[in-house]
Amino acid sequence: MGLAERQANAQLEMSELRQEMRQLTTRVDTLTDNVDRVLARSAILDDVLLELRDSHEQHQRNFEEHQRTTNAAL
């Protein structure tokens, strides 16, 4: 194999590597976007769960107070 052929093969390999790097970069960017979206949704769901828990606790207190006043009236 002559020098010119080795250089041509090296150029071809470099070209293929550049293409693979571009594809990998795209995949990493997509993965990063997906992770960012999942984390944002998780934060929103955490807030919703806290609000639901607070609401449930308030309803529970209201129910208990209603029971006390109903029992006292009876």
C-alpha atoms as a PDB file:
ATOM      1  CA  MET A   1       0.000   0.000   0.000  1.00  0.00           C
ATOM      2  CA  GLY A   2       1.503   3.270  -1.082  1.00  0.00           C
ATOM      3  CA  LEU A   3       1.598   6.564   0.762  1.00  0.00           C
ATOM      4  CA  ALA A   4      -1.138   8.120  -1.384  1.00  0.00           C
ATOM      5  CA  GLU A   5      -3.474   5.182  -0.696  1.00  0.00           C
ATOM      6  CA  ARG A   6      -2.778   5.336   3.057  1.00  0.00           C
ATOM      7  CA  GLN A   7      -3.478   9.074   3.015  1.00  0.00           C
ATOM      8  CA  ALA A   8      -6.740   8.518   1.139  1.00  0.00           C
ATOM      9  CA  ASN A   9      -7.768   5.853   3.656  1.00  0.00           C
ATOM     10  CA  ALA A  10      -6.840   8.141   6.550  1.00  0.00           C
ATOM     11  CA  GLN A  11      -8.884  10.964   4.999  1.00  0.00           C
ATOM     12  CA  LEU A  12     -11.859   8.641   4.575  1.00  0.00           C
ATOM     13  CA  GLU A  13     -11.591   7.468   8.184  1.00  0.00           C
ATOM     14  CA  MET A  14     -11.332  11.076   9.386  1.00  0.00           C
ATOM     15  CA  SER A  15     -14.424  11.953   7.390  1.00  0.00           C
ATOM     16  CA  GLU A  16     -16.316   9.018   8.882  1.00  0.00           C
ATOM     17  CA  LEU A  17     -15.169   9.980  12.382  1.00  0.00           C
ATOM     18  CA  ARG A  18     -16.358  13.564  11.871  1.00  0.00           C
ATOM     19  CA  GLN A  19     -19.766  12.274  10.784  1.00  0.00           C
ATOM     20  CA  GLU A  20     -19.951   9.962  13.796  1.00  0.00           C
ATOM     21  CA  MET A  21     -18.979  12.861  16.078  1.00  0.00           C
ATOM     22  CA  ARG A  22     -21.773  15.002  14.604  1.00  0.00           C
ATOM     23  CA  GLN A  23     -24.260  12.181  15.153  1.00  0.00           C
ATOM     24  CA  LEU A  24     -23.027  11.646  18.699  1.00  0.00           C
ATOM     25  CA  THR A  25     -23.282  15.368  19.414  1.00  0.00           C
ATOM     26  CA  THR A  26     -26.855  15.374  18.138  1.00  0.00           C
ATOM     27  CA  ARG A  27     -27.728  12.390  20.301  1.00  0.00           C
ATOM     28  CA  VAL A  28     -26.146  13.963  23.387  1.00  0.00           C
ATOM     29  CA  ASP A  29     -28.023  17.213  22.728  1.00  0.00           C
ATOM     30  CA  THR A  30     -31.287  15.290  22.382  1.00  0.00           C
ATOM     31  CA  LEU A  31     -30.598  13.343  25.564  1.00  0.00           C
ATOM     32  CA  THR A  32     -29.780  16.549  27.435  1.00  0.00           C
ATOM     33  CA  ASP A  33     -33.023  18.141  26.223  1.00  0.00           C
ATOM     34  CA  ASN A  34     -34.970  15.076  27.349  1.00  0.00           C
ATOM     35  CA  VAL A  35     -33.324  15.084  30.769  1.00  0.00           C
ATOM     36  CA  ASP A  36     -34.065  18.802  31.178  1.00  0.00           C
ATOM     37  CA  ARG A  37     -37.728  18.196  30.298  1.00  0.00           C
ATOM     38  CA  VAL A  38     -38.018  15.261  32.697  1.00  0.00           C
ATOM     39  CA  LEU A  39     -36.440  17.230  35.527  1.00  0.00           C
ATOM     40  CA  ALA A  40     -38.749  20.186  34.897  1.00  0.00           C
ATOM     41  CA  ARG A  41     -41.794  17.908  34.914  1.00  0.00           C
ATOM     42  CA  SER A  42     -40.566  16.219  38.055  1.00  0.00           C
ATOM     43  CA  ALA A  43     -40.269  19.577  39.803  1.00  0.00           C
ATOM     44  CA  ILE A  44     -43.813  20.466  38.728  1.00  0.00           C
ATOM     45  CA  LEU A  45     -45.140  17.114  39.955  1.00  0.00           C
ATOM     46  CA  ASP A  46     -43.339  17.580  43.273  1.00  0.00           C
ATOM     47  CA  ASP A  47     -45.102  20.933  43.688  1.00  0.00           C
ATOM     48  CA  VAL A  48     -48.462  19.395  42.784  1.00  0.00           C
ATOM     49  CA  LEU A  49     -47.945  16.590  45.297  1.00  0.00           C
ATOM     50  CA  LEU A  50     -47.115  19.085  48.041  1.00  0.00           C
ATOM     51  CA  GLU A  51     -50.252  21.077  47.242  1.00  0.00           C
ATOM     52  CA  LEU A  52     -52.359  17.902  47.248  1.00  0.00           C
ATOM     53  CA  ARG A  53     -50.888  16.853  50.579  1.00  0.00           C
ATOM     54  CA  ASP A  54     -51.587  20.285  52.076  1.00  0.00           C
ATOM     55  CA  SER A  55     -55.117  20.239  50.648  1.00  0.00           C
ATOM     56  CA  HIS A  56     -55.735  16.748  52.010  1.00  0.00           C
ATOM     57  CA  GLU A  57     -54.506  17.768  55.451  1.00  0.00           C
ATOM     58  CA  GLN A  58     -56.775  20.837  55.402  1.00  0.00           C
ATOM     59  CA  HIS A  59     -59.764  18.725  54.354  1.00  0.00           C
ATOM     60  CA  GLN A  60     -58.948  16.244  57.104  1.00  0.00           C
ATOM     61  CA  ARG A  61     -58.873  19.051  59.704  1.00  0.00           C
ATOM     62  CA  ASN A  62     -62.148  20.456  58.359  1.00  0.00           C
ATOM     63  CA  PHE A  63     -63.763  17.017  58.530  1.00  0.00           C
ATOM     64  CA  GLU A  64     -62.575  16.464  62.092  1.00  0.00           C
ATOM     65  CA  GLU A  65     -63.841  19.898  63.130  1.00  0.00           C
ATOM     66  CA  HIS A  66     -67.179  19.182  61.466  1.00  0.00           C
ATOM     67  CA  GLN A  67     -67.399  15.878  63.339  1.00  0.00           C
ATOM     68  CA  ARG A  68     -66.652  17.615  66.655  1.00  0.00           C
ATOM     69  CA  THR A  69     -69.273  20.302  66.102  1.00  0.00           C
ATOM     70  CA  THR A  70     -71.826  17.750  64.899  1.00  0.00           C
ATOM     71  CA  ASN A  71     -71.186  15.514  67.907  1.00  0.00           C
ATOM     72  CA  ALA A  72     -71.392  18.488  70.258  1.00  0.00           C
ATOM     73  CA  ALA A  73     -74.708  19.515  68.728  1.00  0.00           C
ATOM     74  CA  LEU A  74     -76.119  16.049  69.168  1.00  0.00           C
END
